[in-house]
Amino acid sequence: MDETAADLAGLQRLLDESASRAGPHLRSIFAPALRLSAAEACERLTGIRIWTVATSSAAGRPLAAPLDGVLHRGRLHVATAPTAVRARQLAVRPAASATYLEG
């Protein structure tokens, strides 16, 4: 694990902010005891994994598809071609959603 204390603190803030915005249904499914801390996520998600990354078009249409990704220093880095639609979308609208599911 290469994360510094600052990396983990930043990732933990992101995870906490995301959880605080969850609706009642999602909070009922993922109780605090079931959520991973930043340190636990970094320990568990080592190496290249397949992540589902969702972006949106200029018209607001979602695009979700699998991408290779690695969690390093508390940030997710994904691989895609610079000419790919997803890369162009992220260049102008960097907000995205990424999900990793075991199995």
PDB file of N, CA and C in Angstrom:
ATOM      1  N   MET A   1       0.856  -1.169   0.000  1.00  0.00           N
ATOM      2  CA  MET A   1       0.000   0.000   0.000  1.00  0.00           C
ATOM      3  C   MET A   1       0.903   1.233   0.000  1.00  0.00           C
ATOM      4  N   ASP A   2       0.758   2.096  -1.008  1.00  0.00           N
ATOM      5  CA  ASP A   2       1.620   3.269  -1.173  1.00  0.00           C
ATOM      6  C   ASP A   2       0.996   4.558  -0.650  1.00  0.00           C
ATOM      7  N   GLU A   3      -0.199   4.479  -0.097  1.00  0.00           N
ATOM      8  CA  GLU A   3      -0.914   5.689   0.310  1.00  0.00           C
ATOM      9  C   GLU A   3      -0.268   6.345   1.532  1.00  0.00           C
ATOM     10  N   THR A   4      -0.183   7.665   1.492  1.00  0.00           N
ATOM     11  CA  THR A   4       0.290   8.438   2.632  1.00  0.00           C
ATOM     12  C   THR A   4      -0.902   8.728   3.542  1.00  0.00           C
ATOM     13  N   ALA A   5      -0.615   9.261   4.716  1.00  0.00           N
ATOM     14  CA  ALA A   5      -1.703   9.650   5.625  1.00  0.00           C
ATOM     15  C   ALA A   5      -2.599  10.687   4.959  1.00  0.00           C
ATOM     16  N   ALA A   6      -2.010  11.607   4.205  1.00  0.00           N
ATOM     17  CA  ALA A   6      -2.808  12.630   3.497  1.00  0.00           C
ATOM     18  C   ALA A   6      -3.678  11.997   2.415  1.00  0.00           C
ATOM     19  N   ASP A   7      -3.135  11.007   1.692  1.00  0.00           N
ATOM     20  CA  ASP A   7      -3.922  10.305   0.669  1.00  0.00           C
ATOM     21  C   ASP A   7      -5.139   9.640   1.304  1.00  0.00           C
ATOM     22  N   LEU A   8      -4.905   8.940   2.403  1.00  0.00           N
ATOM     23  CA  LEU A   8      -5.999   8.238   3.079  1.00  0.00           C
ATOM     24  C   LEU A   8      -7.025   9.217   3.635  1.00  0.00           C
ATOM     25  N   ALA A   9      -6.570  10.339   4.173  1.00  0.00           N
ATOM     26  CA  ALA A   9      -7.503  11.340   4.713  1.00  0.00           C
ATOM     27  C   ALA A   9      -8.369  11.910   3.599  1.00  0.00           C
ATOM     28  N   GLY A  10      -7.777  12.189   2.444  1.00  0.00           N
ATOM     29  CA  GLY A  10      -8.546  12.708   1.316  1.00  0.00           C
ATOM     30  C   GLY A  10      -9.568  11.705   0.816  1.00  0.00           C
ATOM     31  N   LEU A  11      -9.161  10.453   0.683  1.00  0.00           N
ATOM     32  CA  LEU A  11     -10.091   9.416   0.247  1.00  0.00           C
ATOM     33  C   LEU A  11     -11.191   9.208   1.275  1.00  0.00           C
ATOM     34  N   GLN A  12     -10.848   9.249   2.555  1.00  0.00           N
ATOM     35  CA  GLN A  12     -11.864   9.073   3.598  1.00  0.00           C
ATOM     36  C   GLN A  12     -12.894  10.197   3.540  1.00  0.00           C
ATOM     37  N   ARG A  13     -12.429  11.441   3.300  1.00  0.00           N
ATOM     38  CA  ARG A  13     -13.375  12.564   3.152  1.00  0.00           C
ATOM     39  C   ARG A  13     -14.329  12.314   1.995  1.00  0.00           C
ATOM     40  N   LEU A  14     -13.794  11.851   0.864  1.00  0.00           N
ATOM     41  CA  LEU A  14     -14.635  11.566  -0.302  1.00  0.00           C
ATOM     42  C   LEU A  14     -15.657  10.481   0.022  1.00  0.00           C
ATOM     43  N   LEU A  15     -15.220   9.400   0.667  1.00  0.00           N
ATOM     44  CA  LEU A  15     -16.135   8.319   1.023  1.00  0.00           C
ATOM     45  C   LEU A  15     -17.213   8.798   1.997  1.00  0.00           C
ATOM     46  N   ASP A  16     -16.810   9.601   2.986  1.00  0.00           N
ATOM     47  CA  ASP A  16     -17.779  10.113   3.964  1.00  0.00           C
ATOM     48  C   ASP A  16     -18.783  11.062   3.320  1.00  0.00           C
ATOM     49  N   GLU A  17     -18.299  11.941   2.436  1.00  0.00           N
ATOM     50  CA  GLU A  17     -19.199  12.867   1.743  1.00  0.00           C
ATOM     51  C   GLU A  17     -20.182  12.108   0.870  1.00  0.00           C
ATOM     52  N   SER A  18     -19.706  11.104   0.173  1.00  0.00           N
ATOM     53  CA  SER A  18     -20.573  10.290  -0.680  1.00  0.00           C
ATOM     54  C   SER A  18     -21.640   9.591   0.159  1.00  0.00           C
ATOM     55  N   ALA A  19     -21.240   8.999   1.273  1.00  0.00           N
ATOM     56  CA  ALA A  19     -22.201   8.305   2.143  1.00  0.00           C
ATOM     57  C   ALA A  19     -23.219   9.278   2.725  1.00  0.00           C
ATOM     58  N   SER A  20     -22.799  10.502   3.019  1.00  0.00           N
ATOM     59  CA  SER A  20     -23.731  11.475   3.606  1.00  0.00           C
ATOM     60  C   SER A  20     -24.793  11.917   2.607  1.00  0.00           C
ATOM     61  N   ARG A  21     -24.512  11.796   1.314  1.00  0.00           N
ATOM     62  CA  ARG A  21     -25.484  12.188   0.280  1.00  0.00           C
ATOM     63  C   ARG A  21     -26.397  11.039  -0.137  1.00  0.00           C
ATOM     64  N   ALA A  22     -26.146   9.846   0.376  1.00  0.00           N
ATOM     65  CA  ALA A  22     -26.958   8.677   0.004  1.00  0.00           C
ATOM     66  C   ALA A  22     -28.379   8.850   0.525  1.00  0.00           C
ATOM     67  N   GLY A  23     -29.313   8.315  -0.232  1.00  0.00           N
ATOM     68  CA  GLY A  23     -30.715   8.357   0.180  1.00  0.00           C
ATOM     69  C   GLY A  23     -31.011   7.299   1.230  1.00  0.00           C
ATOM     70  N   PRO A  24     -32.210   7.350   1.784  1.00  0.00           N
ATOM     71  CA  PRO A  24     -32.574   6.419   2.852  1.00  0.00           C
ATOM     72  C   PRO A  24     -32.490   4.944   2.427  1.00  0.00           C
ATOM     73  N   HIS A  25     -32.881   4.649   1.199  1.00  0.00           N
ATOM     74  CA  HIS A  25     -32.846   3.255   0.746  1.00  0.00           C
ATOM     75  C   HIS A  25     -31.407   2.734   0.722  1.00  0.00           C
ATOM     76  N   LEU A  26     -30.504   3.503   0.116  1.00  0.00           N
ATOM     77  CA  LEU A  26     -29.111   3.065   0.048  1.00  0.00           C
ATOM     78  C   LEU A  26     -28.503   2.962   1.442  1.00  0.00           C
ATOM     79  N   ARG A  27     -28.809   3.914   2.306  1.00  0.00           N
ATOM     80  CA  ARG A  27     -28.287   3.865   3.677  1.00  0.00           C
ATOM     81  C   ARG A  27     -28.823   2.650   4.428  1.00  0.00           C
ATOM     82  N   SER A  28     -30.054   2.205   4.099  1.00  0.00           N
ATOM     83  CA  SER A  28     -30.596   1.030   4.780  1.00  0.00           C
ATOM     84  C   SER A  28     -29.889  -0.249   4.331  1.00  0.00           C
ATOM     85  N   ILE A  29     -29.357  -0.251   3.128  1.00  0.00           N
ATOM     86  CA  ILE A  29     -28.652  -1.418   2.608  1.00  0.00           C
ATOM     87  C   ILE A  29     -27.204  -1.436   3.079  1.00  0.00           C
ATOM     88  N   PHE A  30     -26.542  -0.281   2.984  1.00  0.00           N
ATOM     89  CA  PHE A  30     -25.128  -0.168   3.342  1.00  0.00           C
ATOM     90  C   PHE A  30     -24.991   0.611   4.635  1.00  0.00           C
ATOM     91  N   ALA A  31     -25.283  -0.072   5.728  1.00  0.00           N
ATOM     92  CA  ALA A  31     -25.142   0.538   7.049  1.00  0.00           C
ATOM     93  C   ALA A  31     -23.670   0.885   7.277  1.00  0.00           C
ATOM     94  N   PRO A  32     -23.385   1.850   8.155  1.00  0.00           N
ATOM     95  CA  PRO A  32     -21.991   2.234   8.399  1.00  0.00           C
ATOM     96  C   PRO A  32     -21.067   1.053   8.702  1.00  0.00           C
ATOM     97  N   ALA A  33     -21.560   0.064   9.388  1.00  0.00           N
ATOM     98  CA  ALA A  33     -20.716  -1.087   9.734  1.00  0.00           C
ATOM     99  C   ALA A  33     -20.287  -1.889   8.502  1.00  0.00           C
ATOM    100  N   LEU A  34     -20.995  -1.742   7.381  1.00  0.00           N
ATOM    101  CA  LEU A  34     -20.674  -2.491   6.168  1.00  0.00           C
ATOM    102  C   LEU A  34     -19.748  -1.734   5.223  1.00  0.00           C
ATOM    103  N   ARG A  35     -19.562  -0.452   5.453  1.00  0.00           N
ATOM    104  CA  ARG A  35     -18.724   0.361   4.568  1.00  0.00           C
ATOM    105  C   ARG A  35     -17.250   0.177   4.923  1.00  0.00           C
ATOM    106  N   LEU A  36     -16.413   0.165   3.907  1.00  0.00           N
ATOM    107  CA  LEU A  36     -14.974   0.087   4.114  1.00  0.00           C
ATOM    108  C   LEU A  36     -14.424   1.472   4.416  1.00  0.00           C
ATOM    109  N   SER A  37     -13.427   1.535   5.263  1.00  0.00           N
ATOM    110  CA  SER A  37     -12.699   2.785   5.460  1.00  0.00           C
ATOM    111  C   SER A  37     -11.764   2.967   4.265  1.00  0.00           C
ATOM    112  N   ALA A  38     -11.187   4.145   4.152  1.00  0.00           N
ATOM    113  CA  ALA A  38     -10.234   4.398   3.069  1.00  0.00           C
ATOM    114  C   ALA A  38      -9.064   3.420   3.146  1.00  0.00           C
ATOM    115  N   ALA A  39      -8.538   3.202   4.339  1.00  0.00           N
ATOM    116  CA  ALA A  39      -7.413   2.277   4.495  1.00  0.00           C
ATOM    117  C   ALA A  39      -7.810   0.857   4.098  1.00  0.00           C
ATOM    118  N   GLU A  40      -9.000   0.428   4.510  1.00  0.00           N
ATOM    119  CA  GLU A  40      -9.461  -0.922   4.147  1.00  0.00           C
ATOM    120  C   GLU A  40      -9.643  -1.049   2.642  1.00  0.00           C
ATOM    121  N   ALA A  41     -10.189  -0.016   2.007  1.00  0.00           N
ATOM    122  CA  ALA A  41     -10.388  -0.056   0.557  1.00  0.00           C
ATOM    123  C   ALA A  41      -9.048  -0.152  -0.163  1.00  0.00           C
ATOM    124  N   CYS A  42      -8.081   0.640   0.263  1.00  0.00           N
ATOM    125  CA  CYS A  42      -6.771   0.609  -0.381  1.00  0.00           C
ATOM    126  C   CYS A  42      -6.064  -0.720  -0.178  1.00  0.00           C
ATOM    127  N   GLU A  43      -6.225  -1.326   0.979  1.00  0.00           N
ATOM    128  CA  GLU A  43      -5.624  -2.641   1.236  1.00  0.00           C
ATOM    129  C   GLU A  43      -6.280  -3.724   0.388  1.00  0.00           C
ATOM    130  N   ARG A  44      -7.591  -3.626   0.238  1.00  0.00           N
ATOM    131  CA  ARG A  44      -8.348  -4.659  -0.459  1.00  0.00           C
ATOM    132  C   ARG A  44      -8.266  -4.530  -1.978  1.00  0.00           C
ATOM    133  N   LEU A  45      -8.175  -3.305  -2.471  1.00  0.00           N
ATOM    134  CA  LEU A  45      -8.250  -3.068  -3.912  1.00  0.00           C
ATOM    135  C   LEU A  45      -6.877  -2.826  -4.522  1.00  0.00           C
ATOM    136  N   THR A  46      -5.951  -3.735  -4.265  1.00  0.00           N
ATOM    137  CA  THR A  46      -4.614  -3.614  -4.835  1.00  0.00           C
ATOM    138  C   THR A  46      -4.594  -4.211  -6.233  1.00  0.00           C
ATOM    139  N   GLY A  47      -3.720  -3.697  -7.058  1.00  0.00           N
ATOM    140  CA  GLY A  47      -3.560  -4.217  -8.409  1.00  0.00           C
ATOM    141  C   GLY A  47      -4.638  -3.724  -9.356  1.00  0.00           C
ATOM    142  N   ILE A  48      -4.517  -4.161 -10.588  1.00  0.00           N
ATOM    143  CA  ILE A  48      -5.469  -3.755 -11.623  1.00  0.00           C
ATOM    144  C   ILE A  48      -6.759  -4.531 -11.437  1.00  0.00           C
ATOM    145  N   ARG A  49      -7.851  -3.812 -11.462  1.00  0.00           N
ATOM    146  CA  ARG A  49      -9.194  -4.390 -11.311  1.00  0.00           C
ATOM    147  C   ARG A  49     -10.070  -3.865 -12.441  1.00  0.00           C
ATOM    148  N   ILE A  50     -11.190  -4.529 -12.650  1.00  0.00           N
ATOM    149  CA  ILE A  50     -12.176  -4.047 -13.613  1.00  0.00           C
ATOM    150  C   ILE A  50     -13.197  -3.210 -12.847  1.00  0.00           C
ATOM    151  N   TRP A  51     -13.329  -1.940 -13.212  1.00  0.00           N
ATOM    152  CA  TRP A  51     -14.258  -1.001 -12.595  1.00  0.00           C
ATOM    153  C   TRP A  51     -15.328  -0.621 -13.614  1.00  0.00           C
ATOM    154  N   THR A  52     -16.543  -0.454 -13.177  1.00  0.00           N
ATOM    155  CA  THR A  52     -17.577   0.123 -14.028  1.00  0.00           C
ATOM    156  C   THR A  52     -17.522   1.625 -13.814  1.00  0.00           C
ATOM    157  N   VAL A  53     -17.256   2.341 -14.888  1.00  0.00           N
ATOM    158  CA  VAL A  53     -17.132   3.792 -14.819  1.00  0.00           C
ATOM    159  C   VAL A  53     -18.271   4.407 -15.630  1.00  0.00           C
ATOM    160  N   ALA A  54     -18.997   5.314 -14.991  1.00  0.00           N
ATOM    161  CA  ALA A  54     -20.122   5.982 -15.643  1.00  0.00           C
ATOM    162  C   ALA A  54     -19.798   7.455 -15.850  1.00  0.00           C
ATOM    163  N   THR A  55     -19.993   7.905 -17.085  1.00  0.00           N
ATOM    164  CA  THR A  55     -19.833   9.310 -17.450  1.00  0.00           C
ATOM    165  C   THR A  55     -21.155   9.759 -18.058  1.00  0.00           C
ATOM    166  N   SER A  56     -21.202  11.006 -18.523  1.00  0.00           N
ATOM    167  CA  SER A  56     -22.436  11.466 -19.173  1.00  0.00           C
ATOM    168  C   SER A  56     -22.106  12.291 -20.403  1.00  0.00           C
ATOM    169  N   SER A  57     -23.028  12.230 -21.363  1.00  0.00           N
ATOM    170  CA  SER A  57     -22.885  13.009 -22.589  1.00  0.00           C
ATOM    171  C   SER A  57     -23.302  14.450 -22.321  1.00  0.00           C
ATOM    172  N   ALA A  58     -23.091  15.317 -23.297  1.00  0.00           N
ATOM    173  CA  ALA A  58     -23.498  16.718 -23.172  1.00  0.00           C
ATOM    174  C   ALA A  58     -25.000  16.822 -22.968  1.00  0.00           C
ATOM    175  N   ALA A  59     -25.746  15.863 -23.499  1.00  0.00           N
ATOM    176  CA  ALA A  59     -27.208  15.854 -23.346  1.00  0.00           C
ATOM    177  C   ALA A  59     -27.643  15.196 -22.037  1.00  0.00           C
ATOM    178  N   GLY A  60     -26.665  14.760 -21.225  1.00  0.00           N
ATOM    179  CA  GLY A  60     -26.996  14.141 -19.945  1.00  0.00           C
ATOM    180  C   GLY A  60     -27.250  12.651 -20.012  1.00  0.00           C
ATOM    181  N   ARG A  61     -27.005  12.024 -21.165  1.00  0.00           N
ATOM    182  CA  ARG A  61     -27.191  10.576 -21.282  1.00  0.00           C
ATOM    183  C   ARG A  61     -26.034   9.848 -20.612  1.00  0.00           C
ATOM    184  N   PRO A  62     -26.330   8.855 -19.770  1.00  0.00           N
ATOM    185  CA  PRO A  62     -25.248   8.131 -19.092  1.00  0.00           C
ATOM    186  C   PRO A  62     -24.570   7.131 -20.020  1.00  0.00           C
ATOM    187  N   LEU A  63     -23.306   6.902 -19.742  1.00  0.00           N
ATOM    188  CA  LEU A  63     -22.534   5.877 -20.439  1.00  0.00           C
ATOM    189  C   LEU A  63     -21.729   5.157 -19.374  1.00  0.00           C
ATOM    190  N   ALA A  64     -22.044   3.895 -19.161  1.00  0.00           N
ATOM    191  CA  ALA A  64     -21.339   3.087 -18.159  1.00  0.00           C
ATOM    192  C   ALA A  64     -20.774   1.852 -18.843  1.00  0.00           C
ATOM    193  N   ALA A  65     -19.523   1.580 -18.561  1.00  0.00           N
ATOM    194  CA  ALA A  65     -18.870   0.420 -19.148  1.00  0.00           C
ATOM    195  C   ALA A  65     -17.650   0.062 -18.309  1.00  0.00           C
ATOM    196  N   PRO A  66     -17.169  -1.175 -18.451  1.00  0.00           N
ATOM    197  CA  PRO A  66     -15.999  -1.595 -17.672  1.00  0.00           C
ATOM    198  C   PRO A  66     -14.710  -0.977 -18.206  1.00  0.00           C
ATOM    199  N   LEU A  67     -13.831  -0.625 -17.269  1.00  0.00           N
ATOM    200  CA  LEU A  67     -12.497  -0.125 -17.603  1.00  0.00           C
ATOM    201  C   LEU A  67     -11.497  -0.740 -16.630  1.00  0.00           C
ATOM    202  N   ASP A  68     -10.279  -0.974 -17.106  1.00  0.00           N
ATOM    203  CA  ASP A  68      -9.207  -1.363 -16.200  1.00  0.00           C
ATOM    204  C   ASP A  68      -8.899  -0.167 -15.315  1.00  0.00           C
ATOM    205  N   GLY A  69      -8.712  -0.430 -14.029  1.00  0.00           N
ATOM    206  CA  GLY A  69      -8.375   0.661 -13.132  1.00  0.00           C
ATOM    207  C   GLY A  69      -7.523   0.181 -11.982  1.00  0.00           C
ATOM    208  N   VAL A  70      -6.787   1.119 -11.411  1.00  0.00           N
ATOM    209  CA  VAL A  70      -5.955   0.821 -10.256  1.00  0.00           C
ATOM    210  C   VAL A  70      -6.145   1.936  -9.229  1.00  0.00           C
ATOM    211  N   LEU A  71      -6.326   1.541  -7.981  1.00  0.00           N
ATOM    212  CA  LEU A  71      -6.419   2.487  -6.877  1.00  0.00           C
ATOM    213  C   LEU A  71      -5.003   2.699  -6.361  1.00  0.00           C
ATOM    214  N   HIS A  72      -4.501   3.911  -6.534  1.00  0.00           N
ATOM    215  CA  HIS A  72      -3.121   4.220  -6.141  1.00  0.00           C
ATOM    216  C   HIS A  72      -3.075   5.586  -5.487  1.00  0.00           C
ATOM    217  N   ARG A  73      -2.475   5.640  -4.301  1.00  0.00           N
ATOM    218  CA  ARG A  73      -2.348   6.869  -3.525  1.00  0.00           C
ATOM    219  C   ARG A  73      -3.700   7.514  -3.272  1.00  0.00           C
ATOM    220  N   GLY A  74      -4.722   6.659  -3.069  1.00  0.00           N
ATOM    221  CA  GLY A  74      -6.047   7.139  -2.695  1.00  0.00           C
ATOM    222  C   GLY A  74      -6.888   7.645  -3.844  1.00  0.00           C
ATOM    223  N   ARG A  75      -6.429   7.429  -5.060  1.00  0.00           N
ATOM    224  CA  ARG A  75      -7.175   7.880  -6.245  1.00  0.00           C
ATOM    225  C   ARG A  75      -7.308   6.733  -7.241  1.00  0.00           C
ATOM    226  N   LEU A  76      -8.433   6.730  -7.943  1.00  0.00           N
ATOM    227  CA  LEU A  76      -8.658   5.715  -8.965  1.00  0.00           C
ATOM    228  C   LEU A  76      -8.119   6.222 -10.295  1.00  0.00           C
ATOM    229  N   HIS A  77      -7.284   5.419 -10.924  1.00  0.00           N
ATOM    230  CA  HIS A  77      -6.741   5.730 -12.252  1.00  0.00           C
ATOM    231  C   HIS A  77      -7.293   4.671 -13.200  1.00  0.00           C
ATOM    232  N   VAL A  78      -7.951   5.107 -14.274  1.00  0.00           N
ATOM    233  CA  VAL A  78      -8.523   4.171 -15.241  1.00  0.00           C
ATOM    234  C   VAL A  78      -7.843   4.349 -16.588  1.00  0.00           C
ATOM    235  N   ALA A  79      -7.871   3.274 -17.363  1.00  0.00           N
ATOM    236  CA  ALA A  79      -7.226   3.279 -18.677  1.00  0.00           C
ATOM    237  C   ALA A  79      -8.271   3.296 -19.776  1.00  0.00           C
ATOM    238  N   THR A  80      -8.101   4.221 -20.687  1.00  0.00           N
ATOM    239  CA  THR A  80      -8.922   4.254 -21.894  1.00  0.00           C
ATOM    240  C   THR A  80      -8.140   5.011 -22.956  1.00  0.00           C
ATOM    241  N   ALA A  81      -8.481   4.800 -24.184  1.00  0.00           N
ATOM    242  CA  ALA A  81      -7.781   5.491 -25.272  1.00  0.00           C
ATOM    243  C   ALA A  81      -8.134   6.977 -25.267  1.00  0.00           C
ATOM    244  N   PRO A  82      -7.193   7.839 -25.580  1.00  0.00           N
ATOM    245  CA  PRO A  82      -7.489   9.275 -25.583  1.00  0.00           C
ATOM    246  C   PRO A  82      -8.560   9.659 -26.603  1.00  0.00           C
ATOM    247  N   THR A  83      -8.771   8.814 -27.600  1.00  0.00           N
ATOM    248  CA  THR A  83      -9.787   9.101 -28.616  1.00  0.00           C
ATOM    249  C   THR A  83     -11.146   8.496 -28.274  1.00  0.00           C
ATOM    250  N   ALA A  84     -11.224   7.750 -27.178  1.00  0.00           N
ATOM    251  CA  ALA A  84     -12.479   7.094 -26.786  1.00  0.00           C
ATOM    252  C   ALA A  84     -13.522   8.129 -26.377  1.00  0.00           C
ATOM    253  N   VAL A  85     -14.782   7.800 -26.611  1.00  0.00           N
ATOM    254  CA  VAL A  85     -15.887   8.678 -26.217  1.00  0.00           C
ATOM    255  C   VAL A  85     -15.784   9.016 -24.743  1.00  0.00           C
ATOM    256  N   ARG A  86     -15.516   8.033 -23.909  1.00  0.00           N
ATOM    257  CA  ARG A  86     -15.435   8.261 -22.461  1.00  0.00           C
ATOM    258  C   ARG A  86     -14.337   9.270 -22.126  1.00  0.00           C
ATOM    259  N   ALA A  87     -13.185   9.190 -22.777  1.00  0.00           N
ATOM    260  CA  ALA A  87     -12.095  10.136 -22.524  1.00  0.00           C
ATOM    261  C   ALA A  87     -12.519  11.549 -22.907  1.00  0.00           C
ATOM    262  N   ARG A  88     -13.193  11.685 -24.027  1.00  0.00           N
ATOM    263  CA  ARG A  88     -13.668  13.016 -24.446  1.00  0.00           C
ATOM    264  C   ARG A  88     -14.698  13.552 -23.458  1.00  0.00           C
ATOM    265  N   GLN A  89     -15.594  12.690 -22.974  1.00  0.00           N
ATOM    266  CA  GLN A  89     -16.592  13.122 -21.995  1.00  0.00           C
ATOM    267  C   GLN A  89     -15.921  13.572 -20.702  1.00  0.00           C
ATOM    268  N   LEU A  90     -14.965  12.813 -20.224  1.00  0.00           N
ATOM    269  CA  LEU A  90     -14.281  13.168 -18.975  1.00  0.00           C
ATOM    270  C   LEU A  90     -13.469  14.452 -19.100  1.00  0.00           C
ATOM    271  N   ALA A  91     -12.966  14.728 -20.296  1.00  0.00           N
ATOM    272  CA  ALA A  91     -12.188  15.949 -20.501  1.00  0.00           C
ATOM    273  C   ALA A  91     -13.050  17.198 -20.297  1.00  0.00           C
ATOM    274  N   VAL A  92     -14.327  17.118 -20.671  1.00  0.00           N
ATOM    275  CA  VAL A  92     -15.202  18.299 -20.536  1.00  0.00           C
ATOM    276  C   VAL A  92     -16.123  18.219 -19.327  1.00  0.00           C
ATOM    277  N   ARG A  93     -16.393  17.007 -18.856  1.00  0.00           N
ATOM    278  CA  ARG A  93     -17.247  16.811 -17.671  1.00  0.00           C
ATOM    279  C   ARG A  93     -16.559  15.768 -16.778  1.00  0.00           C
ATOM    280  N   PRO A  94     -15.648  16.196 -15.899  1.00  0.00           N
ATOM    281  CA  PRO A  94     -14.860  15.236 -15.125  1.00  0.00           C
ATOM    282  C   PRO A  94     -15.632  14.494 -14.036  1.00  0.00           C
ATOM    283  N   ALA A  95     -16.851  14.906 -13.729  1.00  0.00           N
ATOM    284  CA  ALA A  95     -17.629  14.165 -12.727  1.00  0.00           C
ATOM    285  C   ALA A  95     -17.976  12.791 -13.293  1.00  0.00           C
ATOM    286  N   ALA A  96     -17.735  11.766 -12.494  1.00  0.00           N
ATOM    287  CA  ALA A  96     -17.998  10.397 -12.929  1.00  0.00           C
ATOM    288  C   ALA A  96     -18.337   9.563 -11.708  1.00  0.00           C
ATOM    289  N   SER A  97     -18.826   8.368 -11.967  1.00  0.00           N
ATOM    290  CA  SER A  97     -19.108   7.419 -10.909  1.00  0.00           C
ATOM    291  C   SER A  97     -18.355   6.136 -11.246  1.00  0.00           C
ATOM    292  N   ALA A  98     -17.703   5.556 -10.244  1.00  0.00           N
ATOM    293  CA  ALA A  98     -16.964   4.316 -10.469  1.00  0.00           C
ATOM    294  C   ALA A  98     -17.392   3.299  -9.421  1.00  0.00           C
ATOM    295  N   THR A  99     -17.603   2.074  -9.863  1.00  0.00           N
ATOM    296  CA  THR A  99     -18.037   1.001  -8.984  1.00  0.00           C
ATOM    297  C   THR A  99     -17.181  -0.224  -9.219  1.00  0.00           C
ATOM    298  N   TYR A 100     -16.760  -0.836  -8.126  1.00  0.00           N
ATOM    299  CA  TYR A 100     -16.070  -2.115  -8.210  1.00  0.00           C
ATOM    300  C   TYR A 100     -16.887  -3.139  -7.449  1.00  0.00           C
ATOM    301  N   LEU A 101     -17.149  -4.267  -8.091  1.00  0.00           N
ATOM    302  CA  LEU A 101     -17.905  -5.345  -7.443  1.00  0.00           C
ATOM    303  C   LEU A 101     -17.066  -6.609  -7.483  1.00  0.00           C
ATOM    304  N   GLU A 102     -16.971  -7.283  -6.361  1.00  0.00           N
ATOM    305  CA  GLU A 102     -16.256  -8.562  -6.322  1.00  0.00           C
ATOM    306  C   GLU A 102     -17.077  -9.608  -7.052  1.00  0.00           C
ATOM    307  N   GLY A 103     -16.365 -10.488  -7.741  1.00  0.00           N
ATOM    308  CA  GLY A 103     -17.052 -11.591  -8.395  1.00  0.00           C
ATOM    309  C   GLY A 103     -17.763 -11.133  -9.564  1.00  0.00           C
TER     310      GLY A 103
END
